Amino acid sequence: MIATNLDYTNTEEPQANLGLDTFFGKERGLSYLKEIPTPASTKTFSPIGHYEFVQLIIEIAGRMLNEYKLTKINTWTSSNDQRLFGKLTYQKNEEEDVSFAIGFRQALDKSMAAGLALGGSVYVCSNMIISGKELVFRKHTGDIQTALKEKIVLSLLDANDTYDTINSFYRNMKEKEVTDDTAFSSFGLAYGKGLLTPNLFTRAVSEWEDPTYYHGPKTAWRWYNSMTQVYKALPHNKTIALHSEVHDFAKQQFLSN
């Protein structure tokens, strides 16, 4: 069920490197995260530092994803470094077009709970594929470190199934030819379901006609990346849920028959 309220419209021209520095966050290295102060714990708030949070995921994934190699770490901060969003990209096969990815978020200002989502990352453009729902762990209270460890372990038990699912999705979408009429009507339906604003609708159509990155001929895969490409202009706190919803929408729209 599509339920996301897309209440953001950016009228500025997109940056050339939208996949790295977005309008609502700056890409940061781990050394930068390490220097961000973590607020003191209180009776009702138990924060975990941005650096510690990322390292916790990397450490647990390193033990559980024996067949995968960590190839890229992307982290962004916003709101004066109080909010963190990121993606870890893992490679299983050397010649794969879609890699396994872990998307995550957390905050030091009580604005959101820590969360994680499993999915994929498209090699050519770093667009995200999220095949399942975001896993919101819990608010920052109590023994947050132990709670996060347990949740991350449980989440990563589905890693291989997620990897197989996204690669099957990728292959099937690439094989599905799509006409301009079908593409345009699908963008319209996506707009009607709240997956695009009027401004993003225009950009998605432009991506379909003249892609920023080459995704092959006019197929469902190219349509899907037209959507995920324009999502790079959105605040990161909206994108994880949207990626999951557009994945479900595209699968129903193009692969249900």
Protein backbone atom coordinates (compact mmCIF):
# COMPACT_ATOMS: atom_id res chain seq x y z
CA MET A 1 0.00 0.00 0.00
CA ILE A 2 1.40 3.40 -1.00
CA ALA A 3 1.15 5.77 1.93
CA THR A 4 4.11 8.14 1.72
CA ASN A 5 3.27 11.84 1.88
CA LEU A 6 5.67 13.53 -0.51
CA ASP A 7 5.38 17.11 0.73
CA TYR A 8 8.67 18.42 -0.67
CA THR A 9 9.32 20.18 -3.96
CA ASN A 10 12.75 21.53 -4.85
CA THR A 11 12.73 24.16 -7.57
CA GLU A 12 16.49 24.49 -7.84
CA GLU A 13 18.51 22.82 -10.56
CA PRO A 14 20.05 19.51 -9.44
CA GLN A 15 23.74 19.36 -8.66
CA ALA A 16 26.00 17.34 -10.92
CA ASN A 17 26.93 14.94 -8.13
CA LEU A 18 23.55 14.45 -6.51
CA GLY A 19 24.48 10.92 -5.49
CA LEU A 20 27.16 12.29 -3.15
CA ASP A 21 26.27 15.77 -1.89
CA THR A 22 22.53 16.31 -1.72
CA PHE A 23 20.48 19.40 -1.06
CA PHE A 24 19.76 18.26 2.49
CA GLY A 25 23.04 16.81 3.69
CA LYS A 26 26.77 16.73 3.12
CA GLU A 27 28.74 13.59 2.55
CA ARG A 28 31.12 12.93 5.43
CA GLY A 29 33.99 10.54 5.99
CA LEU A 30 34.27 8.29 9.02
CA SER A 31 37.02 10.47 10.46
CA TYR A 32 34.60 13.42 10.40
CA LEU A 33 31.86 11.40 12.12
CA LYS A 34 34.30 10.42 14.84
CA GLU A 35 34.71 14.08 15.84
CA ILE A 36 30.98 14.84 16.18
CA PRO A 37 30.12 15.11 19.89
CA THR A 38 27.56 12.71 21.29
CA PRO A 39 25.09 14.22 23.81
CA ALA A 40 25.18 12.93 27.35
CA SER A 41 22.71 10.21 28.28
CA THR A 42 19.71 11.00 30.44
CA LYS A 43 17.00 8.89 32.06
CA THR A 44 14.93 9.05 28.89
CA PHE A 45 17.55 9.42 26.14
CA SER A 46 20.50 7.12 25.39
CA PRO A 47 22.21 8.37 22.23
CA ILE A 48 24.85 6.47 20.29
CA GLY A 49 27.48 8.40 18.37
CA HIS A 50 27.27 8.50 14.57
CA TYR A 51 30.71 6.92 14.23
CA GLU A 52 29.93 4.19 16.74
CA PHE A 53 26.64 3.42 15.00
CA VAL A 54 28.29 2.99 11.59
CA GLN A 55 31.13 0.92 13.03
CA LEU A 56 28.64 -1.31 14.82
CA ILE A 57 26.91 -2.13 11.54
CA ILE A 58 30.23 -2.67 9.74
CA GLU A 59 31.52 -4.93 12.51
CA ILE A 60 28.45 -7.15 12.63
CA ALA A 61 28.09 -7.26 8.84
CA GLY A 62 31.77 -8.20 8.57
CA ARG A 63 31.15 -11.26 10.71
CA MET A 64 27.90 -12.31 9.05
CA LEU A 65 28.46 -11.49 5.37
CA ASN A 66 31.36 -13.83 4.76
CA GLU A 67 30.74 -14.02 1.00
CA TYR A 68 30.58 -10.25 0.56
CA LYS A 69 33.27 -7.59 0.36
CA LEU A 70 32.63 -4.07 1.66
CA THR A 71 33.44 -1.80 -1.30
CA LYS A 72 31.99 1.60 -0.41
CA ILE A 73 30.91 3.58 2.64
CA ASN A 74 28.71 6.63 2.09
CA THR A 75 27.53 8.72 5.03
CA TRP A 76 25.77 12.07 5.07
CA THR A 77 24.87 14.40 7.92
CA SER A 78 22.31 17.17 8.14
CA SER A 79 20.79 19.51 10.74
CA ASN A 80 24.19 20.63 12.04
CA ASP A 81 25.47 17.05 12.00
CA GLN A 82 22.69 15.87 14.32
CA ARG A 83 21.15 13.51 11.76
CA LEU A 84 22.98 10.72 9.97
CA PHE A 85 22.05 8.83 6.82
CA GLY A 86 24.24 6.31 5.08
CA LYS A 87 24.78 3.35 2.82
CA LEU A 88 27.22 0.45 2.94
CA THR A 89 27.79 -1.27 -0.41
CA TYR A 90 28.96 -4.88 -0.59
CA GLN A 91 30.11 -6.86 -3.61
CA LYS A 92 29.46 -10.58 -3.91
CA ASN A 93 30.35 -11.19 -7.55
CA GLU A 94 33.00 -9.17 -9.38
CA GLU A 95 30.94 -8.52 -12.51
CA GLU A 96 27.59 -7.76 -10.88
CA ASP A 97 25.60 -4.71 -11.94
CA VAL A 98 23.67 -4.59 -8.67
CA SER A 99 25.47 -4.95 -5.34
CA PHE A 100 24.10 -5.69 -1.88
CA ALA A 101 23.57 -2.56 0.21
CA ILE A 102 22.60 -1.61 3.74
CA GLY A 103 20.90 1.76 4.18
CA PHE A 104 20.74 3.27 7.65
CA ARG A 105 19.77 6.36 9.61
CA GLN A 106 19.95 7.71 13.14
CA ALA A 107 19.90 11.01 15.05
CA LEU A 108 21.46 12.71 18.03
CA ASP A 109 18.64 15.25 18.43
CA LYS A 110 15.75 12.85 19.21
CA SER A 111 14.22 13.54 15.78
CA MET A 112 14.05 9.90 14.67
CA ALA A 113 14.72 6.38 15.81
CA ALA A 114 17.64 4.37 14.49
CA GLY A 115 16.70 2.43 11.37
CA LEU A 116 18.13 0.12 8.75
CA ALA A 117 17.01 -1.28 5.40
CA LEU A 118 18.47 -4.00 3.19
CA GLY A 119 18.59 -3.63 -0.56
CA GLY A 120 20.86 -3.06 -3.53
CA SER A 121 23.02 -0.40 -5.14
CA VAL A 122 23.21 0.04 -8.92
CA TYR A 123 26.86 0.05 -9.97
CA VAL A 124 26.64 2.69 -12.70
CA CYS A 125 24.82 5.39 -10.71
CA SER A 126 24.59 4.32 -7.04
CA ASN A 127 20.76 4.37 -7.19
CA MET A 128 19.25 2.39 -4.35
CA ILE A 129 16.95 -0.63 -4.59
CA ILE A 130 15.13 -1.46 -1.38
CA SER A 131 13.05 -4.59 -1.68
CA GLY A 132 11.66 -4.66 1.84
CA LYS A 133 10.33 -2.28 4.45
CA GLU A 134 12.63 -0.14 6.56
CA LEU A 135 13.40 -1.69 9.92
CA VAL A 136 13.02 0.97 12.58
CA PHE A 137 14.88 -0.44 15.52
CA ARG A 138 13.87 1.60 18.51
CA LYS A 139 14.13 4.99 20.12
CA HIS A 140 17.39 5.92 21.79
CA THR A 141 16.53 4.71 25.27
CA GLY A 142 17.92 2.16 27.70
CA ASP A 143 20.77 -0.11 26.61
CA ILE A 144 20.80 1.08 22.99
CA GLN A 145 24.07 -0.69 22.10
CA THR A 146 22.82 -4.16 23.04
CA ALA A 147 19.43 -3.56 21.44
CA LEU A 148 21.00 -2.41 18.17
CA LYS A 149 23.35 -5.38 18.04
CA GLU A 150 20.44 -7.79 18.34
CA LYS A 151 18.37 -6.00 15.72
CA ILE A 152 21.25 -5.73 13.23
CA VAL A 153 22.01 -9.43 13.56
CA LEU A 154 18.36 -10.36 12.99
CA SER A 155 18.16 -8.03 9.98
CA LEU A 156 21.26 -9.45 8.30
CA LEU A 157 19.95 -13.01 8.53
CA ASP A 158 17.93 -12.06 5.42
CA ALA A 159 20.96 -10.79 3.50
CA ASN A 160 21.23 -13.63 0.98
CA ASP A 161 17.49 -13.70 0.31
CA THR A 162 17.55 -9.93 -0.22
CA TYR A 163 20.51 -10.20 -2.60
CA ASP A 164 18.76 -12.90 -4.65
CA THR A 165 15.51 -10.91 -4.69
CA ILE A 166 17.06 -7.68 -5.96
CA ASN A 167 19.06 -9.43 -8.66
CA SER A 168 15.98 -11.30 -9.85
CA PHE A 169 14.14 -7.97 -9.91
CA TYR A 170 17.00 -6.41 -11.89
CA ARG A 171 17.04 -9.17 -14.52
CA ASN A 172 13.27 -9.21 -14.96
CA MET A 173 13.02 -5.43 -15.21
CA LYS A 174 15.79 -5.29 -17.84
CA GLU A 175 13.95 -7.85 -19.96
CA LYS A 176 10.62 -5.97 -19.85
CA GLU A 177 10.36 -3.58 -22.81
CA VAL A 178 8.36 -0.42 -22.11
CA THR A 179 6.87 2.00 -24.65
CA ASP A 180 6.81 5.75 -24.11
CA ASP A 181 3.03 5.63 -23.62
CA THR A 182 3.36 3.02 -20.88
CA ALA A 183 6.21 4.89 -19.24
CA PHE A 184 4.37 8.21 -19.20
CA SER A 185 1.15 6.68 -17.90
CA SER A 186 3.15 4.90 -15.17
CA PHE A 187 4.74 8.19 -14.12
CA GLY A 188 1.25 9.65 -13.93
CA LEU A 189 0.02 6.79 -11.77
CA ALA A 190 3.09 7.16 -9.54
CA TYR A 191 2.22 10.84 -9.14
CA GLY A 192 -1.37 9.95 -8.27
CA LYS A 193 -0.17 7.53 -5.59
CA GLY A 194 2.06 10.13 -3.98
CA LEU A 195 5.39 8.82 -5.24
CA LEU A 196 6.15 11.98 -7.24
CA THR A 197 5.51 15.67 -6.76
CA PRO A 198 4.70 17.74 -9.87
CA ASN A 199 8.32 18.90 -9.99
CA LEU A 200 9.73 15.39 -9.59
CA PHE A 201 7.24 14.10 -12.19
CA THR A 202 8.76 16.47 -14.76
CA ARG A 203 12.26 15.40 -13.81
CA ALA A 204 11.40 11.70 -13.98
CA VAL A 205 10.02 12.13 -17.50
CA SER A 206 13.22 13.93 -18.49
CA GLU A 207 15.29 11.10 -16.99
CA TRP A 208 13.30 8.61 -19.05
CA GLU A 209 13.90 10.54 -22.27
CA ASP A 210 17.50 11.57 -21.58
CA PRO A 211 18.98 9.58 -18.66
CA THR A 212 21.75 11.00 -16.51
CA TYR A 213 23.28 7.51 -16.54
CA TYR A 214 22.85 4.91 -19.25
CA HIS A 215 20.55 2.06 -18.21
CA GLY A 216 20.13 0.47 -21.60
CA PRO A 217 17.15 0.68 -23.97
CA LYS A 218 13.62 1.61 -22.93
CA THR A 219 12.76 -1.06 -20.42
CA ALA A 220 11.15 -1.25 -16.99
CA TRP A 221 14.66 -1.03 -15.53
CA ARG A 222 15.23 2.33 -17.21
CA TRP A 223 11.84 3.55 -15.91
CA TYR A 224 12.69 2.43 -12.39
CA ASN A 225 16.01 4.28 -12.42
CA SER A 226 14.28 7.39 -13.71
CA MET A 227 12.36 7.35 -10.44
CA THR A 228 15.24 6.56 -8.11
CA GLN A 229 17.48 9.11 -9.81
CA VAL A 230 15.13 12.00 -9.03
CA TYR A 231 14.79 10.82 -5.43
CA LYS A 232 18.39 11.92 -4.92
CA ALA A 233 17.04 15.47 -4.73
CA LEU A 234 14.97 14.62 -1.65
CA PRO A 235 15.95 14.79 2.01
CA HIS A 236 17.45 11.48 3.09
CA ASN A 237 14.84 10.96 5.79
CA LYS A 238 12.25 10.48 3.02
CA THR A 239 14.19 8.29 0.62
CA ILE A 240 14.36 4.92 2.38
CA ALA A 241 10.58 4.56 2.60
CA LEU A 242 10.12 5.90 -0.93
CA HIS A 243 12.62 3.46 -2.42
CA SER A 244 10.78 0.58 -0.82
CA GLU A 245 7.41 1.83 -2.07
CA VAL A 246 8.55 2.53 -5.63
CA HIS A 247 10.07 -0.96 -5.74
CA ASP A 248 6.69 -2.47 -4.86
CA PHE A 249 4.94 -0.14 -7.31
CA ALA A 250 7.27 -0.99 -10.20
CA LYS A 251 7.01 -4.72 -9.53
CA GLN A 252 3.22 -4.53 -9.61
CA GLN A 253 3.18 -2.22 -12.63
CA PHE A 254 5.61 -4.10 -14.85
CA LEU A 255 6.10 -7.64 -13.52
CA SER A 256 2.68 -8.71 -12.27
CA ASN A 257 1.56 -10.26 -15.58
